[in-house]
Amino acid sequence: TSKATCEAGRKPAASATLLGGVTVLGK
């Protein structure tokens, strides 16, 4: 997941999360 939040009068924030496993080219 990814998220970017820009609220009026506040510092913008951005984040990304990864849950579960990751497999690249079978590894």
PDB file of all heavy atoms in Angstrom:
ATOM      1  N   THR A   1       0.842  -1.195   0.000  1.00  0.00           N
ATOM      2  CA  THR A   1       0.000   0.000   0.000  1.00  0.00           C
ATOM      3  C   THR A   1       0.874   1.241   0.000  1.00  0.00           C
ATOM      4  O   THR A   1       2.039   1.212   0.422  1.00  0.00           O
ATOM      5  CB  THR A   1      -0.926   0.047   1.228  1.00  0.00           C
ATOM      6  OG1 THR A   1      -0.115   0.162   2.413  1.00  0.00           O
ATOM      7  CG2 THR A   1      -1.794  -1.192   1.312  1.00  0.00           C
ATOM      8  N   SER A   2       0.317   2.335  -0.459  1.00  0.00           N
ATOM      9  CA  SER A   2       1.007   3.630  -0.422  1.00  0.00           C
ATOM     10  C   SER A   2      -0.017   4.715  -0.137  1.00  0.00           C
ATOM     11  O   SER A   2      -1.201   4.574  -0.463  1.00  0.00           O
ATOM     12  CB  SER A   2       1.729   3.912  -1.744  1.00  0.00           C
ATOM     13  OG  SER A   2       0.804   3.946  -2.819  1.00  0.00           O
ATOM     14  N   LYS A   3       0.453   5.803   0.484  1.00  0.00           N
ATOM     15  CA  LYS A   3      -0.459   6.876   0.859  1.00  0.00           C
ATOM     16  C   LYS A   3       0.293   8.197   0.918  1.00  0.00           C
ATOM     17  O   LYS A   3       1.418   8.268   1.419  1.00  0.00           O
ATOM     18  CB  LYS A   3      -1.103   6.573   2.221  1.00  0.00           C
ATOM     19  CG  LYS A   3      -2.192   7.552   2.629  1.00  0.00           C
ATOM     20  CD  LYS A   3      -2.851   7.094   3.911  1.00  0.00           C
ATOM     21  CE  LYS A   3      -3.983   8.009   4.319  1.00  0.00           C
ATOM     22  NZ  LYS A   3      -4.646   7.545   5.572  1.00  0.00           N
ATOM     23  N   ALA A   4      -0.343   9.248   0.414  1.00  0.00           N
ATOM     24  CA  ALA A   4       0.194  10.612   0.506  1.00  0.00           C
ATOM     25  C   ALA A   4      -0.919  11.516   1.008  1.00  0.00           C
ATOM     26  O   ALA A   4      -2.033  11.496   0.468  1.00  0.00           O
ATOM     27  CB  ALA A   4       0.699  11.094  -0.848  1.00  0.00           C
ATOM     28  N   THR A   5      -0.622  12.294   2.053  1.00  0.00           N
ATOM     29  CA  THR A   5      -1.616  13.167   2.674  1.00  0.00           C
ATOM     30  C   THR A   5      -1.071  14.589   2.740  1.00  0.00           C
ATOM     31  O   THR A   5       0.028  14.814   3.243  1.00  0.00           O
ATOM     32  CB  THR A   5      -1.965  12.688   4.099  1.00  0.00           C
ATOM     33  OG1 THR A   5      -2.392  11.330   4.036  1.00  0.00           O
ATOM     34  CG2 THR A   5      -3.058  13.542   4.707  1.00  0.00           C
ATOM     35  N   CYS A   6      -1.856  15.541   2.231  1.00  0.00           N
ATOM     36  CA  CYS A   6      -1.487  16.957   2.245  1.00  0.00           C
ATOM     37  C   CYS A   6      -2.640  17.743   2.856  1.00  0.00           C
ATOM     38  O   CYS A   6      -3.576  18.138   2.155  1.00  0.00           O
ATOM     39  CB  CYS A   6      -1.184  17.456   0.831  1.00  0.00           C
ATOM     40  SG  CYS A   6       0.216  16.655   0.027  1.00  0.00           S
ATOM     41  N   GLU A   7      -2.596  17.958   4.190  1.00  0.00           N
ATOM     42  CA  GLU A   7      -3.639  18.697   4.877  1.00  0.00           C
ATOM     43  C   GLU A   7      -3.268  20.175   4.948  1.00  0.00           C
ATOM     44  O   GLU A   7      -2.101  20.532   5.102  1.00  0.00           O
ATOM     45  CB  GLU A   7      -3.841  18.155   6.292  1.00  0.00           C
ATOM     46  CG  GLU A   7      -4.363  16.731   6.337  1.00  0.00           C
ATOM     47  CD  GLU A   7      -4.627  16.275   7.756  1.00  0.00           C
ATOM     48  OE1 GLU A   7      -4.707  17.151   8.646  1.00  0.00           O
ATOM     49  OE2 GLU A   7      -4.733  15.062   7.977  1.00  0.00           O
ATOM     50  N   ALA A   8      -4.285  21.011   4.842  1.00  0.00           N
ATOM     51  CA  ALA A   8      -4.062  22.447   4.914  1.00  0.00           C
ATOM     52  C   ALA A   8      -3.477  22.831   6.267  1.00  0.00           C
ATOM     53  O   ALA A   8      -3.981  22.403   7.311  1.00  0.00           O
ATOM     54  CB  ALA A   8      -5.377  23.191   4.677  1.00  0.00           C
ATOM     55  N   GLY A   9      -2.394  23.587   6.250  1.00  0.00           N
ATOM     56  CA  GLY A   9      -1.780  24.055   7.481  1.00  0.00           C
ATOM     57  C   GLY A   9      -0.894  23.047   8.182  1.00  0.00           C
ATOM     58  O   GLY A   9      -0.393  23.334   9.269  1.00  0.00           O
ATOM     59  N   ARG A  10      -0.696  21.845   7.590  1.00  0.00           N
ATOM     60  CA  ARG A  10       0.161  20.835   8.202  1.00  0.00           C
ATOM     61  C   ARG A  10       1.216  20.364   7.217  1.00  0.00           C
ATOM     62  O   ARG A  10       1.065  20.528   6.008  1.00  0.00           O
ATOM     63  CB  ARG A  10      -0.660  19.631   8.665  1.00  0.00           C
ATOM     64  CG  ARG A  10      -1.619  19.937   9.803  1.00  0.00           C
ATOM     65  CD  ARG A  10      -2.235  18.662  10.339  1.00  0.00           C
ATOM     66  NE  ARG A  10      -3.110  18.907  11.480  1.00  0.00           N
ATOM     67  CZ  ARG A  10      -3.713  17.968  12.186  1.00  0.00           C
ATOM     68  NH1 ARG A  10      -3.522  16.675  11.843  1.00  0.00           N
ATOM     69  NH2 ARG A  10      -4.485  18.272  13.213  1.00  0.00           N
ATOM     70  N   LYS A  11       2.275  19.782   7.762  1.00  0.00           N
ATOM     71  CA  LYS A  11       3.343  19.269   6.900  1.00  0.00           C
ATOM     72  C   LYS A  11       2.851  18.029   6.150  1.00  0.00           C
ATOM     73  O   LYS A  11       2.309  17.108   6.763  1.00  0.00           O
ATOM     74  CB  LYS A  11       4.573  18.913   7.741  1.00  0.00           C
ATOM     75  CG  LYS A  11       5.745  18.407   6.912  1.00  0.00           C
ATOM     76  CD  LYS A  11       6.953  18.151   7.786  1.00  0.00           C
ATOM     77  CE  LYS A  11       8.099  17.547   6.969  1.00  0.00           C
ATOM     78  NZ  LYS A  11       8.499  18.423   5.862  1.00  0.00           N
ATOM     79  N   PRO A  12       3.018  17.968   4.835  1.00  0.00           N
ATOM     80  CA  PRO A  12       2.595  16.784   4.070  1.00  0.00           C
ATOM     81  C   PRO A  12       3.339  15.530   4.523  1.00  0.00           C
ATOM     82  O   PRO A  12       4.454  15.591   5.038  1.00  0.00           O
ATOM     83  CB  PRO A  12       2.952  17.161   2.625  1.00  0.00           C
ATOM     84  CG  PRO A  12       2.994  18.650   2.607  1.00  0.00           C
ATOM     85  CD  PRO A  12       3.505  19.052   3.959  1.00  0.00           C
ATOM     86  N   ALA A  13       2.692  14.372   4.317  1.00  0.00           N
ATOM     87  CA  ALA A  13       3.276  13.102   4.730  1.00  0.00           C
ATOM     88  C   ALA A  13       3.060  12.068   3.632  1.00  0.00           C
ATOM     89  O   ALA A  13       2.064  12.097   2.917  1.00  0.00           O
ATOM     90  CB  ALA A  13       2.643  12.622   6.036  1.00  0.00           C
ATOM     91  N   ALA A  14       4.024  11.154   3.510  1.00  0.00           N
ATOM     92  CA  ALA A  14       3.951  10.073   2.516  1.00  0.00           C
ATOM     93  C   ALA A  14       4.506   8.799   3.132  1.00  0.00           C
ATOM     94  O   ALA A  14       5.467   8.840   3.917  1.00  0.00           O
ATOM     95  CB  ALA A  14       4.734  10.437   1.259  1.00  0.00           C
ATOM     96  N   SER A  15       3.889   7.667   2.793  1.00  0.00           N
ATOM     97  CA  SER A  15       4.340   6.397   3.359  1.00  0.00           C
ATOM     98  C   SER A  15       3.976   5.251   2.434  1.00  0.00           C
ATOM     99  O   SER A  15       3.115   5.377   1.562  1.00  0.00           O
ATOM    100  CB  SER A  15       3.702   6.169   4.736  1.00  0.00           C
ATOM    101  OG  SER A  15       2.293   6.072   4.613  1.00  0.00           O
ATOM    102  N   ALA A  16       4.662   4.135   2.639  1.00  0.00           N
ATOM    103  CA  ALA A  16       4.373   2.897   1.911  1.00  0.00           C
ATOM    104  C   ALA A  16       4.619   1.728   2.843  1.00  0.00           C
ATOM    105  O   ALA A  16       5.543   1.762   3.655  1.00  0.00           O
ATOM    106  CB  ALA A  16       5.251   2.779   0.665  1.00  0.00           C
ATOM    107  N   THR A  17       3.762   0.717   2.746  1.00  0.00           N
ATOM    108  CA  THR A  17       3.888  -0.450   3.607  1.00  0.00           C
ATOM    109  C   THR A  17       3.876  -1.720   2.765  1.00  0.00           C
ATOM    110  O   THR A  17       3.277  -1.765   1.691  1.00  0.00           O
ATOM    111  CB  THR A  17       2.749  -0.513   4.640  1.00  0.00           C
ATOM    112  OG1 THR A  17       1.491  -0.573   3.942  1.00  0.00           O
ATOM    113  CG2 THR A  17       2.765   0.701   5.536  1.00  0.00           C
ATOM    114  N   LEU A  18       4.529  -2.721   3.288  1.00  0.00           N
ATOM    115  CA  LEU A  18       4.608  -4.012   2.614  1.00  0.00           C
ATOM    116  C   LEU A  18       4.307  -5.099   3.625  1.00  0.00           C
ATOM    117  O   LEU A  18       4.952  -5.195   4.668  1.00  0.00           O
ATOM    118  CB  LEU A  18       6.001  -4.221   2.020  1.00  0.00           C
ATOM    119  CG  LEU A  18       6.265  -5.541   1.300  1.00  0.00           C
ATOM    120  CD1 LEU A  18       5.389  -5.675   0.063  1.00  0.00           C
ATOM    121  CD2 LEU A  18       7.739  -5.649   0.924  1.00  0.00           C
ATOM    122  N   LEU A  19       3.297  -5.923   3.318  1.00  0.00           N
ATOM    123  CA  LEU A  19       2.901  -7.012   4.199  1.00  0.00           C
ATOM    124  C   LEU A  19       3.004  -8.326   3.437  1.00  0.00           C
ATOM    125  O   LEU A  19       2.681  -8.393   2.246  1.00  0.00           O
ATOM    126  CB  LEU A  19       1.469  -6.819   4.699  1.00  0.00           C
ATOM    127  CG  LEU A  19       1.191  -5.525   5.486  1.00  0.00           C
ATOM    128  CD1 LEU A  19      -0.290  -5.412   5.804  1.00  0.00           C
ATOM    129  CD2 LEU A  19       2.019  -5.484   6.760  1.00  0.00           C
ATOM    130  N   GLY A  20       3.451  -9.365   4.115  1.00  0.00           N
ATOM    131  CA  GLY A  20       3.581 -10.658   3.463  1.00  0.00           C
ATOM    132  C   GLY A  20       4.915 -10.785   2.746  1.00  0.00           C
ATOM    133  O   GLY A  20       5.756  -9.882   2.750  1.00  0.00           O
ATOM    134  N   GLY A  21       5.114 -11.900   2.101  1.00  0.00           N
ATOM    135  CA  GLY A  21       6.381 -12.172   1.442  1.00  0.00           C
ATOM    136  C   GLY A  21       6.494 -11.541   0.074  1.00  0.00           C
ATOM    137  O   GLY A  21       5.513 -11.102  -0.531  1.00  0.00           O
ATOM    138  N   VAL A  22       7.744 -11.500  -0.414  1.00  0.00           N
ATOM    139  CA  VAL A  22       8.059 -10.979  -1.745  1.00  0.00           C
ATOM    140  C   VAL A  22       8.911 -12.018  -2.472  1.00  0.00           C
ATOM    141  O   VAL A  22       9.915 -12.499  -1.936  1.00  0.00           O
ATOM    142  CB  VAL A  22       8.815  -9.632  -1.669  1.00  0.00           C
ATOM    143  CG1 VAL A  22       9.168  -9.147  -3.063  1.00  0.00           C
ATOM    144  CG2 VAL A  22       7.987  -8.601  -0.924  1.00  0.00           C
ATOM    145  N   THR A  23       8.523 -12.323  -3.699  1.00  0.00           N
ATOM    146  CA  THR A  23       9.278 -13.270  -4.518  1.00  0.00           C
ATOM    147  C   THR A  23       9.628 -12.603  -5.840  1.00  0.00           C
ATOM    148  O   THR A  23       8.756 -12.051  -6.510  1.00  0.00           O
ATOM    149  CB  THR A  23       8.457 -14.541  -4.800  1.00  0.00           C
ATOM    150  OG1 THR A  23       8.084 -15.139  -3.556  1.00  0.00           O
ATOM    151  CG2 THR A  23       9.251 -15.530  -5.618  1.00  0.00           C
ATOM    152  N   VAL A  24      10.912 -12.610  -6.183  1.00  0.00           N
ATOM    153  CA  VAL A  24      11.397 -11.992  -7.415  1.00  0.00           C
ATOM    154  C   VAL A  24      12.075 -13.068  -8.260  1.00  0.00           C
ATOM    155  O   VAL A  24      13.034 -13.722  -7.805  1.00  0.00           O
ATOM    156  CB  VAL A  24      12.382 -10.842  -7.117  1.00  0.00           C
ATOM    157  CG1 VAL A  24      12.881 -10.219  -8.415  1.00  0.00           C
ATOM    158  CG2 VAL A  24      11.701  -9.788  -6.238  1.00  0.00           C
ATOM    159  N   LEU A  25      11.563 -13.271  -9.469  1.00  0.00           N
ATOM    160  CA  LEU A  25      12.118 -14.277 -10.389  1.00  0.00           C
ATOM    161  C   LEU A  25      12.257 -15.633  -9.707  1.00  0.00           C
ATOM    162  O   LEU A  25      13.258 -16.342  -9.858  1.00  0.00           O
ATOM    163  CB  LEU A  25      13.465 -13.816 -10.946  1.00  0.00           C
ATOM    164  CG  LEU A  25      13.432 -12.553 -11.818  1.00  0.00           C
ATOM    165  CD1 LEU A  25      14.847 -12.175 -12.246  1.00  0.00           C
ATOM    166  CD2 LEU A  25      12.541 -12.737 -13.028  1.00  0.00           C
ATOM    167  N   GLY A  26      11.249 -15.973  -8.891  1.00  0.00           N
ATOM    168  CA  GLY A  26      11.227 -17.265  -8.213  1.00  0.00           C
ATOM    169  C   GLY A  26      12.017 -17.334  -6.932  1.00  0.00           C
ATOM    170  O   GLY A  26      12.028 -18.382  -6.273  1.00  0.00           O
ATOM    171  N   LYS A  27      12.692 -16.239  -6.528  1.00  0.00           N
ATOM    172  CA  LYS A  27      13.489 -16.241  -5.302  1.00  0.00           C
ATOM    173  C   LYS A  27      12.836 -15.360  -4.239  1.00  0.00           C
ATOM    174  O   LYS A  27      12.452 -14.223  -4.520  1.00  0.00           O
ATOM    175  CB  LYS A  27      14.907 -15.719  -5.584  1.00  0.00           C
ATOM    176  CG  LYS A  27      15.710 -16.571  -6.541  1.00  0.00           C
ATOM    177  CD  LYS A  27      17.075 -15.957  -6.814  1.00  0.00           C
ATOM    178  CE  LYS A  27      17.906 -15.835  -5.558  1.00  0.00           C
ATOM    179  NZ  LYS A  27      19.290 -15.354  -5.831  1.00  0.00           N
TER     180      LYS A  27
END
